[in-house]
C-alpha atoms as a PDB file:
ATOM      1  CA  MET A   1       0.064  -0.018   0.039  1.00  0.00           C
ATOM      2  CA  LYS A   2       2.910   2.493   0.759  1.00  0.00           C
ATOM      3  CA  ARG A   3       4.571   1.803  -2.507  1.00  0.00           C
ATOM      4  CA  VAL A   4       1.187   2.739  -4.248  1.00  0.00           C
ATOM      5  CA  LEU A   5       0.751   5.725  -2.212  1.00  0.00           C
ATOM      6  CA  VAL A   6       4.447   7.049  -2.915  1.00  0.00           C
ATOM      7  CA  LEU A   7       3.676   6.203  -6.648  1.00  0.00           C
ATOM      8  CA  VAL A   8       0.673   8.168  -6.770  1.00  0.00           C
ATOM      9  CA  LEU A   9       2.230  11.004  -5.092  1.00  0.00           C
ATOM     10  CA  PHE A  10       5.142  10.947  -7.397  1.00  0.00           C
ATOM     11  CA  LEU A  11       2.938  11.095 -10.295  1.00  0.00           C
ATOM     12  CA  LEU A  12       1.088  14.017  -9.266  1.00  0.00           C
ATOM     13  CA  ALA A  13       4.026  16.017  -8.471  1.00  0.00           C
ATOM     14  CA  GLY A  14       5.665  15.284 -11.623  1.00  0.00           C
ATOM     15  CA  CYS A  15       2.351  16.485 -13.658  1.00  0.00           C
ATOM     16  CA  SER A  16       2.115  19.557 -11.735  1.00  0.00           C
ATOM     17  CA  GLY A  17       3.185  22.597 -13.796  1.00  0.00           C
ATOM     18  CA  GLY A  18       2.146  26.279 -14.218  1.00  0.00           C
ATOM     19  CA  LYS A  19       3.755  29.419 -15.139  1.00  0.00           C
ATOM     20  CA  ASP A  20       6.311  29.085 -12.396  1.00  0.00           C
ATOM     21  CA  ALA A  21       7.731  25.783 -13.871  1.00  0.00           C
ATOM     22  CA  VAL A  22       9.396  27.839 -16.844  1.00  0.00           C
ATOM     23  CA  SER A  23      11.246  31.117 -16.678  1.00  0.00           C
ATOM     24  CA  GLN A  24       9.126  33.790 -18.001  1.00  0.00           C
ATOM     25  CA  GLY A  25      10.681  37.076 -19.538  1.00  0.00           C
ATOM     26  CA  SER A  26      14.300  37.996 -20.683  1.00  0.00           C
ATOM     27  CA  SER A  27      15.963  37.970 -17.080  1.00  0.00           C
ATOM     28  CA  PHE A  28      18.619  35.474 -16.601  1.00  0.00           C
ATOM     29  CA  SER A  29      17.381  32.255 -14.996  1.00  0.00           C
ATOM     30  CA  PHE A  30      19.852  29.385 -14.812  1.00  0.00           C
ATOM     31  CA  VAL A  31      18.423  25.942 -16.182  1.00  0.00           C
ATOM     32  CA  ALA A  32      20.521  22.634 -15.316  1.00  0.00           C
ATOM     33  CA  PRO A  33      22.616  21.957 -18.370  1.00  0.00           C
ATOM     34  CA  GLY A  34      22.166  18.085 -18.230  1.00  0.00           C
ATOM     35  CA  GLY A  35      25.807  17.479 -16.860  1.00  0.00           C
ATOM     36  CA  LYS A  36      27.510  20.197 -18.888  1.00  0.00           C
ATOM     37  CA  VAL A  37      30.026  22.025 -17.002  1.00  0.00           C
ATOM     38  CA  ASP A  38      30.798  24.664 -19.738  1.00  0.00           C
ATOM     39  CA  ILE A  39      27.699  26.584 -21.102  1.00  0.00           C
ATOM     40  CA  THR A  40      27.813  29.270 -23.549  1.00  0.00           C
ATOM     41  CA  TYR A  41      24.848  31.304 -24.874  1.00  0.00           C
ATOM     42  CA  PRO A  42      24.336  32.552 -28.318  1.00  0.00           C
ATOM     43  CA  VAL A  43      23.657  36.296 -28.609  1.00  0.00           C
ATOM     44  CA  ALA A  44      19.952  35.660 -29.357  1.00  0.00           C
ATOM     45  CA  GLU A  45      19.674  33.578 -26.243  1.00  0.00           C
ATOM     46  CA  ARG A  46      21.476  35.617 -23.862  1.00  0.00           C
ATOM     47  CA  GLN A  47      19.471  37.007 -20.691  1.00  0.00           C
ATOM     48  CA  VAL A  48      20.200  40.097 -18.648  1.00  0.00           C
ATOM     49  CA  ALA A  49      21.752  39.219 -15.380  1.00  0.00           C
ATOM     50  CA  PRO A  50      20.484  40.910 -12.250  1.00  0.00           C
ATOM     51  CA  ALA A  51      22.783  43.525 -10.669  1.00  0.00           C
ATOM     52  CA  LEU A  52      25.057  41.986  -7.954  1.00  0.00           C
ATOM     53  CA  SER A  53      26.292  43.963  -4.996  1.00  0.00           C
ATOM     54  CA  ALA A  54      27.928  43.519  -1.708  1.00  0.00           C
ATOM     55  CA  ASP A  55      30.853  44.830   0.425  1.00  0.00           C
ATOM     56  CA  ASP A  56      34.241  45.273  -1.241  1.00  0.00           C
ATOM     57  CA  LEU A  57      36.400  42.654   0.165  1.00  0.00           C
ATOM     58  CA  MET A  58      39.511  44.958   0.630  1.00  0.00           C
ATOM     59  CA  ASN A  59      37.569  48.188   1.436  1.00  0.00           C
ATOM     60  CA  GLU A  60      35.184  47.527   4.359  1.00  0.00           C
ATOM     61  CA  GLY A  61      32.221  49.714   4.261  1.00  0.00           C
ATOM     62  CA  LYS A  62      32.495  50.325   0.511  1.00  0.00           C
ATOM     63  CA  GLN A  63      29.795  48.764  -1.607  1.00  0.00           C
ATOM     64  CA  LEU A  64      30.830  47.154  -5.159  1.00  0.00           C
ATOM     65  CA  SER A  65      28.274  46.267  -7.861  1.00  0.00           C
ATOM     66  CA  THR A  66      28.091  44.811 -11.406  1.00  0.00           C
ATOM     67  CA  LYS A  67      26.544  48.207 -12.340  1.00  0.00           C
ATOM     68  CA  ASP A  68      29.817  49.920 -11.394  1.00  0.00           C
ATOM     69  CA  PHE A  69      31.128  48.299 -14.668  1.00  0.00           C
ATOM     70  CA  ALA A  70      28.483  49.495 -17.074  1.00  0.00           C
ATOM     71  CA  GLY A  71      29.600  48.895 -20.767  1.00  0.00           C
ATOM     72  CA  LYS A  72      32.264  46.238 -19.987  1.00  0.00           C
ATOM     73  CA  VAL A  73      32.441  42.416 -20.389  1.00  0.00           C
ATOM     74  CA  VAL A  74      32.228  41.261 -16.573  1.00  0.00           C
ATOM     75  CA  VAL A  75      33.577  38.015 -15.397  1.00  0.00           C
ATOM     76  CA  LEU A  76      32.202  36.887 -11.987  1.00  0.00           C
ATOM     77  CA  ASN A  77      34.101  34.433 -10.254  1.00  0.00           C
ATOM     78  CA  LEU A  78      32.687  32.600  -7.167  1.00  0.00           C
ATOM     79  CA  TRP A  79      35.675  31.749  -4.821  1.00  0.00           C
ATOM     80  CA  GLY A  80      36.734  31.131  -1.458  1.00  0.00           C
ATOM     81  CA  GLN A  81      40.251  30.927   0.348  1.00  0.00           C
ATOM     82  CA  TRP A  82      39.455  27.562   1.850  1.00  0.00           C
ATOM     83  CA  CYS A  83      38.951  26.019  -1.852  1.00  0.00           C
ATOM     84  CA  GLY A  84      41.558  23.837  -3.144  1.00  0.00           C
ATOM     85  CA  PRO A  85      40.555  24.551  -6.863  1.00  0.00           C
ATOM     86  CA  CYS A  86      40.391  28.363  -6.383  1.00  0.00           C
ATOM     87  CA  ARG A  87      44.110  28.425  -5.144  1.00  0.00           C
ATOM     88  CA  SER A  88      45.069  27.435  -8.598  1.00  0.00           C
ATOM     89  CA  GLU A  89      42.460  29.027 -10.389  1.00  0.00           C
ATOM     90  CA  ALA A  90      43.188  32.582  -9.176  1.00  0.00           C
ATOM     91  CA  PRO A  91      46.360  33.153 -10.793  1.00  0.00           C
ATOM     92  CA  GLU A  92      45.079  32.030 -14.003  1.00  0.00           C
ATOM     93  CA  LEU A  93      42.121  34.407 -13.800  1.00  0.00           C
ATOM     94  CA  GLU A  94      44.567  37.248 -12.961  1.00  0.00           C
ATOM     95  CA  LYS A  95      46.570  36.209 -16.010  1.00  0.00           C
ATOM     96  CA  ALA A  96      43.282  36.279 -18.415  1.00  0.00           C
ATOM     97  CA  TYR A  97      42.428  39.654 -16.813  1.00  0.00           C
ATOM     98  CA  GLN A  98      45.759  41.310 -17.343  1.00  0.00           C
ATOM     99  CA  GLU A  99      45.662  40.126 -20.923  1.00  0.00           C
ATOM    100  CA  THR A 100      42.031  41.567 -21.683  1.00  0.00           C
ATOM    101  CA  LYS A 101      41.477  44.410 -19.125  1.00  0.00           C
ATOM    102  CA  ALA A 102      42.690  46.877 -21.689  1.00  0.00           C
ATOM    103  CA  SER A 103      39.947  45.834 -24.222  1.00  0.00           C
ATOM    104  CA  GLY A 104      37.105  46.529 -21.666  1.00  0.00           C
ATOM    105  CA  VAL A 105      37.163  43.304 -19.467  1.00  0.00           C
ATOM    106  CA  GLN A 106      36.560  43.534 -15.919  1.00  0.00           C
ATOM    107  CA  LEU A 107      36.995  40.736 -13.393  1.00  0.00           C
ATOM    108  CA  LEU A 108      35.026  40.441 -10.222  1.00  0.00           C
ATOM    109  CA  GLY A 109      35.406  37.993  -7.822  1.00  0.00           C
ATOM    110  CA  ILE A 110      32.643  36.935  -5.330  1.00  0.00           C
ATOM    111  CA  ASP A 111      34.029  35.493  -2.076  1.00  0.00           C
ATOM    112  CA  VAL A 112      31.790  33.129  -0.513  1.00  0.00           C
ATOM    113  CA  LYS A 113      31.602  31.110   2.535  1.00  0.00           C
ATOM    114  CA  ASP A 114      34.574  32.983   4.208  1.00  0.00           C
ATOM    115  CA  PRO A 115      33.640  34.069   7.783  1.00  0.00           C
ATOM    116  CA  ASP A 116      37.098  35.739   8.158  1.00  0.00           C
ATOM    117  CA  ARG A 117      37.511  38.522   5.833  1.00  0.00           C
ATOM    118  CA  SER A 118      41.316  38.897   6.742  1.00  0.00           C
ATOM    119  CA  ALA A 119      42.032  35.327   5.507  1.00  0.00           C
ATOM    120  CA  ALA A 120      40.263  36.232   2.257  1.00  0.00           C
ATOM    121  CA  GLN A 121      42.187  39.480   2.022  1.00  0.00           C
ATOM    122  CA  ASP A 122      45.571  37.656   2.528  1.00  0.00           C
ATOM    123  CA  PHE A 123      44.493  35.169  -0.166  1.00  0.00           C
ATOM    124  CA  MET A 124      44.352  38.026  -2.584  1.00  0.00           C
ATOM    125  CA  ARG A 125      47.516  39.716  -1.558  1.00  0.00           C
ATOM    126  CA  ASP A 126      49.662  36.456  -1.329  1.00  0.00           C
ATOM    127  CA  ARG A 127      48.588  35.820  -5.008  1.00  0.00           C
ATOM    128  CA  GLY A 128      48.878  39.341  -6.291  1.00  0.00           C
ATOM    129  CA  LEU A 129      45.396  39.407  -7.403  1.00  0.00           C
ATOM    130  CA  THR A 130      44.497  42.883  -8.702  1.00  0.00           C
ATOM    131  CA  TYR A 131      40.964  42.709  -9.500  1.00  0.00           C
ATOM    132  CA  PRO A 132      38.327  43.423  -6.998  1.00  0.00           C
ATOM    133  CA  SER A 133      36.092  41.040  -5.183  1.00  0.00           C
ATOM    134  CA  LEU A 134      32.722  41.242  -3.458  1.00  0.00           C
ATOM    135  CA  TYR A 135      32.974  39.964   0.173  1.00  0.00           C
ATOM    136  CA  ASP A 136      29.543  37.896   0.587  1.00  0.00           C
ATOM    137  CA  PRO A 137      30.311  34.945   3.146  1.00  0.00           C
ATOM    138  CA  ALA A 138      26.500  34.130   3.278  1.00  0.00           C
ATOM    139  CA  GLY A 139      26.188  34.408  -0.651  1.00  0.00           C
ATOM    140  CA  ARG A 140      23.167  36.728  -0.457  1.00  0.00           C
ATOM    141  CA  SER A 141      24.099  38.577  -3.575  1.00  0.00           C
ATOM    142  CA  LEU A 142      23.741  35.103  -5.248  1.00  0.00           C
ATOM    143  CA  LEU A 143      20.011  34.738  -4.160  1.00  0.00           C
ATOM    144  CA  GLN A 144      19.218  36.975  -7.325  1.00  0.00           C
ATOM    145  CA  LEU A 145      20.578  34.321  -9.734  1.00  0.00           C
ATOM    146  CA  SER A 146      17.516  32.247 -10.168  1.00  0.00           C
ATOM    147  CA  GLY A 147      18.466  28.605 -10.235  1.00  0.00           C
ATOM    148  CA  TYR A 148      22.126  29.035 -10.083  1.00  0.00           C
ATOM    149  CA  PRO A 149      23.943  26.367  -8.170  1.00  0.00           C
ATOM    150  CA  ARG A 150      25.521  28.678  -5.430  1.00  0.00           C
ATOM    151  CA  ASN A 151      27.440  25.605  -3.867  1.00  0.00           C
ATOM    152  CA  VAL A 152      29.500  25.134  -6.896  1.00  0.00           C
ATOM    153  CA  ILE A 153      32.958  26.811  -5.960  1.00  0.00           C
ATOM    154  CA  PRO A 154      34.816  27.707  -8.034  1.00  0.00           C
ATOM    155  CA  SER A 155      32.427  28.696 -10.742  1.00  0.00           C
ATOM    156  CA  THR A 156      32.350  31.526 -13.354  1.00  0.00           C
ATOM    157  CA  ILE A 157      29.726  33.808 -14.990  1.00  0.00           C
ATOM    158  CA  VAL A 158      30.668  35.844 -17.885  1.00  0.00           C
ATOM    159  CA  LEU A 159      28.502  38.762 -18.824  1.00  0.00           C
ATOM    160  CA  ASP A 160      28.765  40.614 -22.290  1.00  0.00           C
ATOM    161  CA  LYS A 161      28.856  44.471 -22.372  1.00  0.00           C
ATOM    162  CA  GLN A 162      25.115  44.770 -21.956  1.00  0.00           C
ATOM    163  CA  HIS A 163      25.384  42.423 -18.836  1.00  0.00           C
ATOM    164  CA  ARG A 164      23.683  39.426 -20.381  1.00  0.00           C
ATOM    165  CA  VAL A 165      24.964  36.110 -19.415  1.00  0.00           C
ATOM    166  CA  ALA A 166      27.211  34.970 -22.290  1.00  0.00           C
ATOM    167  CA  ALA A 167      28.765  31.780 -20.402  1.00  0.00           C
ATOM    168  CA  VAL A 168      28.765  29.822 -17.354  1.00  0.00           C
ATOM    169  CA  TYR A 169      31.632  27.505 -16.111  1.00  0.00           C
ATOM    170  CA  LEU A 170      30.981  25.219 -13.453  1.00  0.00           C
ATOM    171  CA  ARG A 171      34.589  24.233 -12.899  1.00  0.00           C
ATOM    172  CA  GLU A 172      38.192  25.524 -12.344  1.00  0.00           C
ATOM    173  CA  LEU A 173      39.413  27.507 -15.074  1.00  0.00           C
ATOM    174  CA  LEU A 174      42.798  28.179 -16.907  1.00  0.00           C
ATOM    175  CA  ALA A 175      43.297  31.629 -18.634  1.00  0.00           C
ATOM    176  CA  SER A 176      43.422  29.649 -21.885  1.00  0.00           C
ATOM    177  CA  ASP A 177      39.872  28.574 -21.171  1.00  0.00           C
ATOM    178  CA  ILE A 178      38.420  31.832 -20.907  1.00  0.00           C
ATOM    179  CA  THR A 179      40.679  34.364 -22.581  1.00  0.00           C
ATOM    180  CA  PRO A 180      39.482  33.663 -26.206  1.00  0.00           C
ATOM    181  CA  LEU A 181      35.888  34.117 -25.120  1.00  0.00           C
ATOM    182  CA  LEU A 182      36.754  37.507 -23.392  1.00  0.00           C
ATOM    183  CA  ARG A 183      38.456  38.754 -26.500  1.00  0.00           C
ATOM    184  CA  THR A 184      35.382  37.897 -28.514  1.00  0.00           C
ATOM    185  CA  LEU A 185      32.958  39.510 -26.189  1.00  0.00           C
ATOM    186  CA  ALA A 186      35.054  42.763 -25.897  1.00  0.00           C
ATOM    187  CA  ALA A 187      35.201  42.891 -29.726  1.00  0.00           C
ATOM    188  CA  GLU A 188      31.102  42.759 -29.979  1.00  0.00           C
END
């Protein structure tokens, strides 16, 4: 009897639908990519990302926002000083940033799950990272990214000049993985 009841509940839940089942409008809503870790969006399919903001990691009390970089390609990288892959990825992202910033690319880190601000600041200094980072230990700024897997660290979201999502990477990156895309987006 329990098996029948569970099956009936499963079927009912699977058949529910409505307007909330599918994203409406042109705002970015992340949809599970069927196991893909590199997702790129053609121009016609790009959706506007919500503005993200939080405290500047290196300047307590100062707010940083993606809006501060209007007209630039913005690379949002979720990281934490506690994250092993982030330790090897950070210098690679700095390299990509140095190679593309003159063409209008801005890298913006989002430091998450780091309750100790000074440890995250040391991480940035020790690796010679010159790009700014949002300090968001609770990940509140990411709540605006509908459906985005906030527990995937590191991960990277690339916004085009209109701040539409052009790519999502759910893995550690090398400079060579992202630099060609950044050059293409900067030239658009």
